[in-house]
C-alpha atoms as a PDB file:
ATOM      1  CA  MET A   1     -32.135  24.559-117.110  1.00  0.00           C
ATOM      2  CA  LYS A   2     -28.639  24.537-118.786  1.00  0.00           C
ATOM      3  CA  GLN A   3     -28.102  28.226-118.184  1.00  0.00           C
ATOM      4  CA  LEU A   4     -28.193  27.825-114.418  1.00  0.00           C
ATOM      5  CA  PRO A   5     -24.483  26.597-114.156  1.00  0.00           C
ATOM      6  CA  TRP A   6     -23.084  29.486-116.311  1.00  0.00           C
ATOM      7  CA  THR A   7     -25.423  31.831-114.133  1.00  0.00           C
ATOM      8  CA  LEU A   8     -24.076  30.569-110.820  1.00  0.00           C
ATOM      9  CA  PHE A   9     -20.367  30.806-112.527  1.00  0.00           C
ATOM     10  CA  GLY A  10     -20.812  34.481-114.230  1.00  0.00           C
ATOM     11  CA  VAL A  11     -21.953  34.952-110.033  1.00  0.00           C
ATOM     12  CA  ALA A  12     -19.370  33.328-108.375  1.00  0.00           C
ATOM     13  CA  ALA A  13     -16.186  34.047-110.238  1.00  0.00           C
ATOM     14  CA  PRO A  14     -16.429  37.989-109.801  1.00  0.00           C
ATOM     15  CA  LEU A  15     -17.472  37.696-106.263  1.00  0.00           C
ATOM     16  CA  PHE A  16     -14.441  35.311-105.906  1.00  0.00           C
ATOM     17  CA  LEU A  17     -12.255  37.929-107.760  1.00  0.00           C
ATOM     18  CA  ILE A  18     -13.286  40.375-105.513  1.00  0.00           C
ATOM     19  CA  LEU A  19     -12.432  38.538-102.254  1.00  0.00           C
ATOM     20  CA  GLN A  20      -9.127  37.856-103.422  1.00  0.00           C
ATOM     21  CA  VAL A  21      -8.324  42.100-103.321  1.00  0.00           C
ATOM     22  CA  LEU A  22     -10.493  43.113-100.096  1.00  0.00           C
ATOM     23  CA  PRO A  23      -8.781  42.982 -96.739  1.00  0.00           C
ATOM     24  CA  GLY A  24     -10.340  40.059 -94.947  1.00  0.00           C
ATOM     25  CA  PRO A  25     -10.418  39.743 -91.044  1.00  0.00           C
ATOM     26  CA  ALA A  26      -7.004  39.026 -91.416  1.00  0.00           C
ATOM     27  CA  SER A  27      -3.829  40.183 -93.591  1.00  0.00           C
ATOM     28  CA  ASN A  28      -4.571  37.586 -95.794  1.00  0.00           C
ATOM     29  CA  SER A  29      -0.864  36.957 -95.996  1.00  0.00           C
ATOM     30  CA  PRO A  30       0.462  34.822 -93.658  1.00  0.00           C
ATOM     31  CA  LYS A  31       3.675  35.118 -92.244  1.00  0.00           C
ATOM     32  CA  ASN A  32       5.913  33.711 -89.725  1.00  0.00           C
ATOM     33  CA  PRO A  33       7.376  35.601 -86.915  1.00  0.00           C
ATOM     34  CA  PRO A  34      11.266  35.237 -86.326  1.00  0.00           C
ATOM     35  CA  ILE A  35      11.965  32.480 -84.225  1.00  0.00           C
ATOM     36  CA  VAL A  36      14.501  33.650 -81.234  1.00  0.00           C
ATOM     37  CA  ALA A  37      17.324  31.438 -80.311  1.00  0.00           C
ATOM     38  CA  GLY A  38      17.166  29.800 -76.846  1.00  0.00           C
ATOM     39  CA  GLN A  39      12.939  30.492 -76.819  1.00  0.00           C
ATOM     40  CA  SER A  40      11.707  27.500 -78.402  1.00  0.00           C
ATOM     41  CA  VAL A  41      10.249  24.504 -76.480  1.00  0.00           C
ATOM     42  CA  ARG A  42      13.011  22.669 -78.252  1.00  0.00           C
ATOM     43  CA  ASP A  43      15.627  24.603 -76.180  1.00  0.00           C
ATOM     44  CA  GLN A  44      13.515  24.313 -73.036  1.00  0.00           C
ATOM     45  CA  VAL A  45      12.114  21.054 -72.727  1.00  0.00           C
ATOM     46  CA  PRO A  46      13.851  17.846 -72.479  1.00  0.00           C
ATOM     47  CA  PHE A  47      11.311  15.785 -74.769  1.00  0.00           C
ATOM     48  CA  SER A  48      11.650  11.794 -75.363  1.00  0.00           C
ATOM     49  CA  PRO A  49      12.182  11.041 -78.617  1.00  0.00           C
ATOM     50  CA  ALA A  50       8.580   9.569 -79.389  1.00  0.00           C
ATOM     51  CA  ALA A  51       6.790  12.882 -77.979  1.00  0.00           C
ATOM     52  CA  ALA A  52       9.089  15.365 -79.935  1.00  0.00           C
ATOM     53  CA  GLN A  53       7.939  13.093 -83.105  1.00  0.00           C
ATOM     54  CA  VAL A  54       4.211  13.668 -82.076  1.00  0.00           C
ATOM     55  CA  ILE A  55       4.932  17.480 -81.419  1.00  0.00           C
ATOM     56  CA  GLU A  56       6.964  17.710 -84.955  1.00  0.00           C
ATOM     57  CA  LYS A  57       4.083  15.574 -86.614  1.00  0.00           C
ATOM     58  CA  SER A  58       0.926  16.743 -85.369  1.00  0.00           C
ATOM     59  CA  CYS A  59       1.542  20.221 -83.309  1.00  0.00           C
ATOM     60  CA  ILE A  60       4.211  22.502 -84.655  1.00  0.00           C
ATOM     61  CA  ASN A  61       2.603  23.339 -87.872  1.00  0.00           C
ATOM     62  CA  CYS A  62      -0.145  25.538 -86.046  1.00  0.00           C
ATOM     63  CA  HIS A  63       1.110  25.922 -82.499  1.00  0.00           C
ATOM     64  CA  SER A  64       4.335  27.726 -83.704  1.00  0.00           C
ATOM     65  CA  ASN A  65       6.306  30.482 -85.595  1.00  0.00           C
ATOM     66  CA  GLU A  66       7.191  27.292 -88.136  1.00  0.00           C
ATOM     67  CA  THR A  67       4.039  27.248 -89.946  1.00  0.00           C
ATOM     68  CA  LYS A  68       4.386  25.837 -93.189  1.00  0.00           C
ATOM     69  CA  TRP A  69       1.651  27.785 -95.620  1.00  0.00           C
ATOM     70  CA  PRO A  70       0.141  26.011 -98.235  1.00  0.00           C
ATOM     71  CA  TRP A  71      -0.988  27.398-101.422  1.00  0.00           C
ATOM     72  CA  TYR A  72      -4.543  27.790-100.275  1.00  0.00           C
ATOM     73  CA  SER A  73      -3.568  29.982 -97.115  1.00  0.00           C
ATOM     74  CA  ARG A  74      -3.293  32.685 -99.598  1.00  0.00           C
ATOM     75  CA  VAL A  75      -6.611  32.619-101.389  1.00  0.00           C
ATOM     76  CA  ALA A  76      -9.835  34.155 -99.531  1.00  0.00           C
ATOM     77  CA  PRO A  77     -11.907  33.197 -97.864  1.00  0.00           C
ATOM     78  CA  ALA A  78      -9.972  30.109 -96.883  1.00  0.00           C
ATOM     79  CA  SER A  79      -6.752  32.480 -95.910  1.00  0.00           C
ATOM     80  CA  TRP A  80      -8.758  34.062 -93.567  1.00  0.00           C
ATOM     81  CA  LEU A  81     -10.125  31.139 -91.949  1.00  0.00           C
ATOM     82  CA  ILE A  82      -6.737  29.447 -92.101  1.00  0.00           C
ATOM     83  CA  GLU A  83      -4.661  32.472 -90.195  1.00  0.00           C
ATOM     84  CA  LYS A  84      -7.330  32.982 -87.446  1.00  0.00           C
ATOM     85  CA  ASP A  85      -6.948  29.199 -86.626  1.00  0.00           C
ATOM     86  CA  VAL A  86      -3.241  29.288 -86.733  1.00  0.00           C
ATOM     87  CA  GLN A  87      -3.201  32.977 -84.504  1.00  0.00           C
ATOM     88  CA  LYS A  88      -5.772  31.307 -82.302  1.00  0.00           C
ATOM     89  CA  ALA A  89      -3.255  28.020 -81.915  1.00  0.00           C
ATOM     90  CA  ARG A  90      -0.423  30.315 -81.298  1.00  0.00           C
ATOM     91  CA  ARG A  91      -1.955  32.249 -78.587  1.00  0.00           C
ATOM     92  CA  THR A  92      -3.113  28.959 -77.018  1.00  0.00           C
ATOM     93  CA  MET A  93       0.457  27.429 -77.068  1.00  0.00           C
ATOM     94  CA  ASN A  94       3.445  28.481 -79.001  1.00  0.00           C
ATOM     95  CA  PHE A  95       6.190  26.266 -79.001  1.00  0.00           C
ATOM     96  CA  SER A  96       8.682  28.943 -80.874  1.00  0.00           C
ATOM     97  CA  ASP A  97       8.073  31.630 -77.909  1.00  0.00           C
ATOM     98  CA  TRP A  98       7.986  28.972 -75.072  1.00  0.00           C
ATOM     99  CA  ALA A  99      10.478  30.708 -72.889  1.00  0.00           C
ATOM    100  CA  THR A 100       8.741  34.074 -73.126  1.00  0.00           C
ATOM    101  CA  GLN A 101       5.127  32.967 -72.967  1.00  0.00           C
ATOM    102  CA  LYS A 102       3.176  34.332 -69.796  1.00  0.00           C
ATOM    103  CA  GLY A 103       2.778  30.770 -67.554  1.00  0.00           C
ATOM    104  CA  ARG A 104       5.190  28.930 -69.569  1.00  0.00           C
ATOM    105  CA  LYS A 105       7.515  28.436 -66.439  1.00  0.00           C
ATOM    106  CA  PRO A 106       8.579  25.034 -65.488  1.00  0.00           C
ATOM    107  CA  GLU A 107       6.097  24.334 -62.629  1.00  0.00           C
ATOM    108  CA  THR A 108       3.345  25.579 -65.077  1.00  0.00           C
ATOM    109  CA  ALA A 109       3.797  23.987 -67.838  1.00  0.00           C
ATOM    110  CA  ILE A 110       2.792  20.789 -66.105  1.00  0.00           C
ATOM    111  CA  GLY A 111      -0.945  21.970 -67.081  1.00  0.00           C
ATOM    112  CA  ALA A 112      -0.352  22.629 -70.423  1.00  0.00           C
ATOM    113  CA  TRP A 113       1.284  19.130 -71.075  1.00  0.00           C
ATOM    114  CA  GLN A 114      -1.589  17.242 -69.298  1.00  0.00           C
ATOM    115  CA  ALA A 115      -3.952  19.321 -71.397  1.00  0.00           C
ATOM    116  CA  SER A 116      -2.184  18.399 -74.715  1.00  0.00           C
ATOM    117  CA  CYS A 117      -2.264  14.563 -73.241  1.00  0.00           C
ATOM    118  CA  ILE A 118      -6.078  14.869 -72.984  1.00  0.00           C
ATOM    119  CA  ASP A 119      -7.054  16.592 -75.988  1.00  0.00           C
ATOM    120  CA  LEU A 120      -5.067  14.050 -78.188  1.00  0.00           C
ATOM    121  CA  GLN A 121      -6.867  11.328 -76.056  1.00  0.00           C
ATOM    122  CA  GLN A 122      -9.957  12.560 -76.890  1.00  0.00           C
ATOM    123  CA  GLY A 123      -9.525  13.450 -80.412  1.00  0.00           C
ATOM    124  CA  ARG A 124      -9.523  17.106 -80.030  1.00  0.00           C
ATOM    125  CA  MET A 125      -6.266  17.510 -81.274  1.00  0.00           C
ATOM    126  CA  PRO A 126      -5.171  17.748 -83.781  1.00  0.00           C
ATOM    127  CA  PRO A 127      -8.554  19.115 -85.100  1.00  0.00           C
ATOM    128  CA  LYS A 128     -10.530  17.226 -87.830  1.00  0.00           C
ATOM    129  CA  PRO A 129     -10.983  19.709 -90.468  1.00  0.00           C
ATOM    130  CA  TYR A 130      -7.017  20.154 -90.049  1.00  0.00           C
ATOM    131  CA  LEU A 131      -6.749  16.465 -90.473  1.00  0.00           C
ATOM    132  CA  ILE A 132      -8.722  16.571 -94.014  1.00  0.00           C
ATOM    133  CA  LEU A 133      -6.104  18.280 -95.674  1.00  0.00           C
ATOM    134  CA  HIS A 134      -3.006  17.215 -93.621  1.00  0.00           C
ATOM    135  CA  PRO A 135      -3.552  13.273 -93.487  1.00  0.00           C
ATOM    136  CA  GLU A 136       0.212  12.666 -92.252  1.00  0.00           C
ATOM    137  CA  ALA A 137      -0.909  14.458 -89.030  1.00  0.00           C
ATOM    138  CA  ARG A 138      -2.877  11.623 -87.829  1.00  0.00           C
ATOM    139  CA  LEU A 139      -1.649  10.085 -84.588  1.00  0.00           C
ATOM    140  CA  SER A 140      -1.805   6.466 -83.895  1.00  0.00           C
ATOM    141  CA  HIS A 141      -3.006   5.232 -80.367  1.00  0.00           C
ATOM    142  CA  GLN A 142       0.626   4.332 -79.682  1.00  0.00           C
ATOM    143  CA  GLU A 143       1.810   7.760 -80.368  1.00  0.00           C
ATOM    144  CA  ILE A 144      -0.477   9.146 -78.421  1.00  0.00           C
ATOM    145  CA  ASP A 145       0.103   6.748 -75.611  1.00  0.00           C
ATOM    146  CA  ASP A 146       3.813   7.401 -75.938  1.00  0.00           C
ATOM    147  CA  PHE A 147       3.173  11.243 -75.574  1.00  0.00           C
ATOM    148  CA  CYS A 148       0.949  10.835 -72.593  1.00  0.00           C
ATOM    149  CA  GLN A 149       3.499   8.850 -71.143  1.00  0.00           C
ATOM    150  CA  TRP A 150       6.065  11.025 -71.127  1.00  0.00           C
ATOM    151  CA  THR A 151       3.607  13.821 -69.962  1.00  0.00           C
ATOM    152  CA  LYS A 152       3.455  11.998 -66.498  1.00  0.00           C
ATOM    153  CA  GLN A 153       7.004  11.658 -66.515  1.00  0.00           C
ATOM    154  CA  GLU A 154       7.794  15.194 -67.509  1.00  0.00           C
ATOM    155  CA  THR A 155       5.266  16.418 -64.892  1.00  0.00           C
ATOM    156  CA  ALA A 156       7.026  14.155 -62.110  1.00  0.00           C
ATOM    157  CA  ARG A 157       9.923  15.467 -63.021  1.00  0.00           C
ATOM    158  CA  LEU A 158       8.563  19.630 -62.904  1.00  0.00           C
ATOM    159  CA  ILE A 159       6.889  18.766 -59.473  1.00  0.00           C
ATOM    160  CA  GLN A 160      10.167  17.450 -57.868  1.00  0.00           C
ATOM    161  CA  MET A 161      11.964  20.726 -59.051  1.00  0.00           C
ATOM    162  CA  LYS A 162       9.252  22.641 -57.743  1.00  0.00           C
ATOM    163  CA  ARG A 163       9.808  21.022 -54.741  1.00  0.00           C
ATOM    164  CA  ALA A 164      13.286  20.988 -54.458  1.00  0.00           C
ATOM    165  CA  ARG A 165      13.039  24.646 -55.223  1.00  0.00           C
ATOM    166  CA  LEU A 166      10.454  25.309 -52.212  1.00  0.00           C
ATOM    167  CA  GLN A 167      12.719  23.298 -49.704  1.00  0.00           C
ATOM    168  CA  LYS A 168      15.854  25.363 -50.827  1.00  0.00           C
ATOM    169  CA  SER A 169      13.874  28.614 -50.252  1.00  0.00           C
ATOM    170  CA  SER A 170      12.563  27.439 -46.813  1.00  0.00           C
ATOM    171  CA  PHE A 171      15.814  26.522 -45.478  1.00  0.00           C
ATOM    172  CA  SER A 172      17.404  29.913 -46.700  1.00  0.00           C
ATOM    173  CA  HIS A 173      14.490  31.947 -44.621  1.00  0.00           C
END
């Protein structure tokens, strides 16, 4: 029975080392794409200070090209999972490429902001596994309420912009 832990270690250690050199489903070398001036959400959206704080605190690390890759993001198999999650988050919403993402025109941003509010309220974002390793990203009820209040104000502003643009285009025809 005393041999069992050493036997498990003898099997697990070489397997762990092999995983470090085998190419996984991801590149196993997390990188951040460059950020182009003028394309960031910060350049495109007039956030309230409270909404900006929520995004910086709980969203930007996965949903942007500003990911801070922890040491364990370079160790397989964790590296594969983390990189997959970040790539999925960036495809869903990338704050660094906001101006160039398909459908991220001011009018269509309404749905993204409303979905973000709902995800925060229902506890889907930030994901619970992320919060285990990043407790500083946890949001208070007040922070979520502040973000959702900004979402309502921003939605009203964007709808007004769209109406004004539609009225202007109908007068010019």
